[in-house]
């Protein structure tokens, strides 16, 4: 299951840890979570709740994305992080990254 909080990054909010913990307590399959993850401390807290993978998108557009990816991969393994990219087609048929 992939859970994406699309408002966490855009509104610069922290992930809803209580809701995520509630979902994880009832979910008996691997879970990937994305939204509001912009530093290692947030990633650690999400992994501590039981999430197997994190997804980052907005952090890819910052200057420290390589550091975040390396820190998470060194602690939790490279299989524990994925990148998400939104691509949109404009009126003229050109594609761009959101």
C-alpha atoms as a PDB file:
ATOM      1  CA  UNK A   1       0.000   0.000   0.000  1.00  0.00           C
ATOM      2  CA  UNK A   2       1.239   3.490  -0.824  1.00  0.00           C
ATOM      3  CA  UNK A   3      -0.005   6.347   1.336  1.00  0.00           C
ATOM      4  CA  UNK A   4       0.697   9.847   0.015  1.00  0.00           C
ATOM      5  CA  UNK A   5      -0.155  12.947   2.028  1.00  0.00           C
ATOM      6  CA  UNK A   6      -0.261  15.458  -0.823  1.00  0.00           C
ATOM      7  CA  UNK A   7      -0.882  18.435   1.464  1.00  0.00           C
ATOM      8  CA  UNK A   8       1.956  17.856   3.937  1.00  0.00           C
ATOM      9  CA  UNK A   9       4.722  19.231   1.709  1.00  0.00           C
ATOM     10  CA  UNK A  10       2.729  21.955  -0.012  1.00  0.00           C
ATOM     11  CA  UNK A  11       1.530  23.373   3.318  1.00  0.00           C
ATOM     12  CA  UNK A  12       4.879  22.626   5.023  1.00  0.00           C
ATOM     13  CA  UNK A  13       3.178  20.440   7.639  1.00  0.00           C
ATOM     14  CA  UNK A  14       4.540  17.434   9.465  1.00  0.00           C
ATOM     15  CA  UNK A  15       3.091  14.037   8.640  1.00  0.00           C
ATOM     16  CA  UNK A  16       0.040  13.012  10.661  1.00  0.00           C
ATOM     17  CA  UNK A  17       1.835  10.454  12.835  1.00  0.00           C
ATOM     18  CA  UNK A  18      -1.270   9.463  14.807  1.00  0.00           C
ATOM     19  CA  UNK A  19      -3.287   8.688  11.678  1.00  0.00           C
ATOM     20  CA  UNK A  20      -0.379   6.818  10.139  1.00  0.00           C
ATOM     21  CA  UNK A  21       0.111   4.763  13.305  1.00  0.00           C
ATOM     22  CA  UNK A  22      -3.600   3.930  13.342  1.00  0.00           C
ATOM     23  CA  UNK A  23      -3.495   2.761   9.723  1.00  0.00           C
ATOM     24  CA  UNK A  24      -0.354   0.709  10.286  1.00  0.00           C
ATOM     25  CA  UNK A  25      -1.835  -1.057  13.297  1.00  0.00           C
ATOM     26  CA  UNK A  26      -4.570  -2.493  11.038  1.00  0.00           C
ATOM     27  CA  UNK A  27      -2.493  -3.038   7.895  1.00  0.00           C
ATOM     28  CA  UNK A  28      -0.718  -6.362   7.543  1.00  0.00           C
ATOM     29  CA  UNK A  29       1.219  -5.696   4.356  1.00  0.00           C
ATOM     30  CA  UNK A  30       4.194  -3.512   3.390  1.00  0.00           C
ATOM     31  CA  UNK A  31       3.463   0.217   3.413  1.00  0.00           C
ATOM     32  CA  UNK A  32       5.201   3.066   1.599  1.00  0.00           C
ATOM     33  CA  UNK A  33       4.554   6.591   2.905  1.00  0.00           C
ATOM     34  CA  UNK A  34       5.212   9.940   1.255  1.00  0.00           C
ATOM     35  CA  UNK A  35       4.487  13.498   2.288  1.00  0.00           C
ATOM     36  CA  UNK A  36       6.302  16.058   4.397  1.00  0.00           C
ATOM     37  CA  UNK A  37       9.567  14.119   4.566  1.00  0.00           C
ATOM     38  CA  UNK A  38      12.324  16.687   4.254  1.00  0.00           C
ATOM     39  CA  UNK A  39      14.905  15.572   6.813  1.00  0.00           C
ATOM     40  CA  UNK A  40      16.268  12.454   8.470  1.00  0.00           C
ATOM     41  CA  UNK A  41      14.475  12.937  11.803  1.00  0.00           C
ATOM     42  CA  UNK A  42      11.064  12.818  10.097  1.00  0.00           C
ATOM     43  CA  UNK A  43      12.099   9.749   8.104  1.00  0.00           C
ATOM     44  CA  UNK A  44      13.285   8.007  11.296  1.00  0.00           C
ATOM     45  CA  UNK A  45      10.005   8.670  13.060  1.00  0.00           C
ATOM     46  CA  UNK A  46       8.036   7.270  10.102  1.00  0.00           C
ATOM     47  CA  UNK A  47      10.215   4.159   9.927  1.00  0.00           C
ATOM     48  CA  UNK A  48       9.831   3.708  13.702  1.00  0.00           C
ATOM     49  CA  UNK A  49       6.049   3.564  13.199  1.00  0.00           C
ATOM     50  CA  UNK A  50       6.516   0.515  10.958  1.00  0.00           C
ATOM     51  CA  UNK A  51       6.637   1.905   7.420  1.00  0.00           C
ATOM     52  CA  UNK A  52       8.909  -0.162   5.156  1.00  0.00           C
ATOM     53  CA  UNK A  53       9.551   2.483   2.486  1.00  0.00           C
ATOM     54  CA  UNK A  54       9.379   6.250   2.156  1.00  0.00           C
ATOM     55  CA  UNK A  55       8.642   8.217  -0.970  1.00  0.00           C
ATOM     56  CA  UNK A  56      10.054  11.684  -1.548  1.00  0.00           C
ATOM     57  CA  UNK A  57       9.000  14.234  -4.142  1.00  0.00           C
ATOM     58  CA  UNK A  58       9.196  17.833  -2.970  1.00  0.00           C
ATOM     59  CA  UNK A  59      12.555  17.202  -1.320  1.00  0.00           C
ATOM     60  CA  UNK A  60      13.961  16.345  -4.752  1.00  0.00           C
ATOM     61  CA  UNK A  61      13.542  19.985  -5.720  1.00  0.00           C
ATOM     62  CA  UNK A  62      15.744  21.239  -2.856  1.00  0.00           C
ATOM     63  CA  UNK A  63      19.515  21.507  -2.675  1.00  0.00           C
ATOM     64  CA  UNK A  64      19.932  18.911   0.079  1.00  0.00           C
ATOM     65  CA  UNK A  65      18.074  16.017  -1.578  1.00  0.00           C
ATOM     66  CA  UNK A  66      21.288  14.029  -2.123  1.00  0.00           C
ATOM     67  CA  UNK A  67      22.132  14.274   1.565  1.00  0.00           C
ATOM     68  CA  UNK A  68      18.658  13.074   2.597  1.00  0.00           C
ATOM     69  CA  UNK A  69      18.754  10.135   0.182  1.00  0.00           C
ATOM     70  CA  UNK A  70      22.257   9.130   1.302  1.00  0.00           C
ATOM     71  CA  UNK A  71      21.410   9.367   5.010  1.00  0.00           C
ATOM     72  CA  UNK A  72      18.251   7.268   4.663  1.00  0.00           C
ATOM     73  CA  UNK A  73      19.964   4.725   2.411  1.00  0.00           C
ATOM     74  CA  UNK A  74      22.937   4.374   4.789  1.00  0.00           C
ATOM     75  CA  UNK A  75      20.707   3.709   7.800  1.00  0.00           C
ATOM     76  CA  UNK A  76      17.744   1.798   6.323  1.00  0.00           C
ATOM     77  CA  UNK A  77      19.138   0.515   3.012  1.00  0.00           C
ATOM     78  CA  UNK A  78      18.725   1.776  -0.524  1.00  0.00           C
ATOM     79  CA  UNK A  79      15.564  -0.309  -0.991  1.00  0.00           C
ATOM     80  CA  UNK A  80      13.791   1.797   1.656  1.00  0.00           C
ATOM     81  CA  UNK A  81      13.528   5.013  -0.349  1.00  0.00           C
ATOM     82  CA  UNK A  82      11.812   5.795  -3.641  1.00  0.00           C
ATOM     83  CA  UNK A  83      11.443   8.995  -5.631  1.00  0.00           C
ATOM     84  CA  UNK A  84       8.168  10.243  -7.009  1.00  0.00           C
ATOM     85  CA  UNK A  85       7.929  12.623  -9.952  1.00  0.00           C
ATOM     86  CA  UNK A  86       4.716  14.226 -11.190  1.00  0.00           C
ATOM     87  CA  UNK A  87       4.690  14.956 -14.903  1.00  0.00           C
ATOM     88  CA  UNK A  88       1.989  16.985 -16.576  1.00  0.00           C
ATOM     89  CA  UNK A  89       1.177  17.723 -20.195  1.00  0.00           C
ATOM     90  CA  UNK A  90       0.356  21.330 -21.012  1.00  0.00           C
ATOM     91  CA  UNK A  91      -2.054  22.717 -23.604  1.00  0.00           C
ATOM     92  CA  UNK A  92       0.634  22.642 -26.323  1.00  0.00           C
ATOM     93  CA  UNK A  93       1.483  18.983 -25.730  1.00  0.00           C
ATOM     94  CA  UNK A  94       4.748  19.642 -23.879  1.00  0.00           C
ATOM     95  CA  UNK A  95       5.543  17.726 -20.720  1.00  0.00           C
ATOM     96  CA  UNK A  96       6.881  19.313 -17.554  1.00  0.00           C
ATOM     97  CA  UNK A  97       7.675  18.317 -13.998  1.00  0.00           C
ATOM     98  CA  UNK A  98       5.445  19.724 -11.275  1.00  0.00           C
END
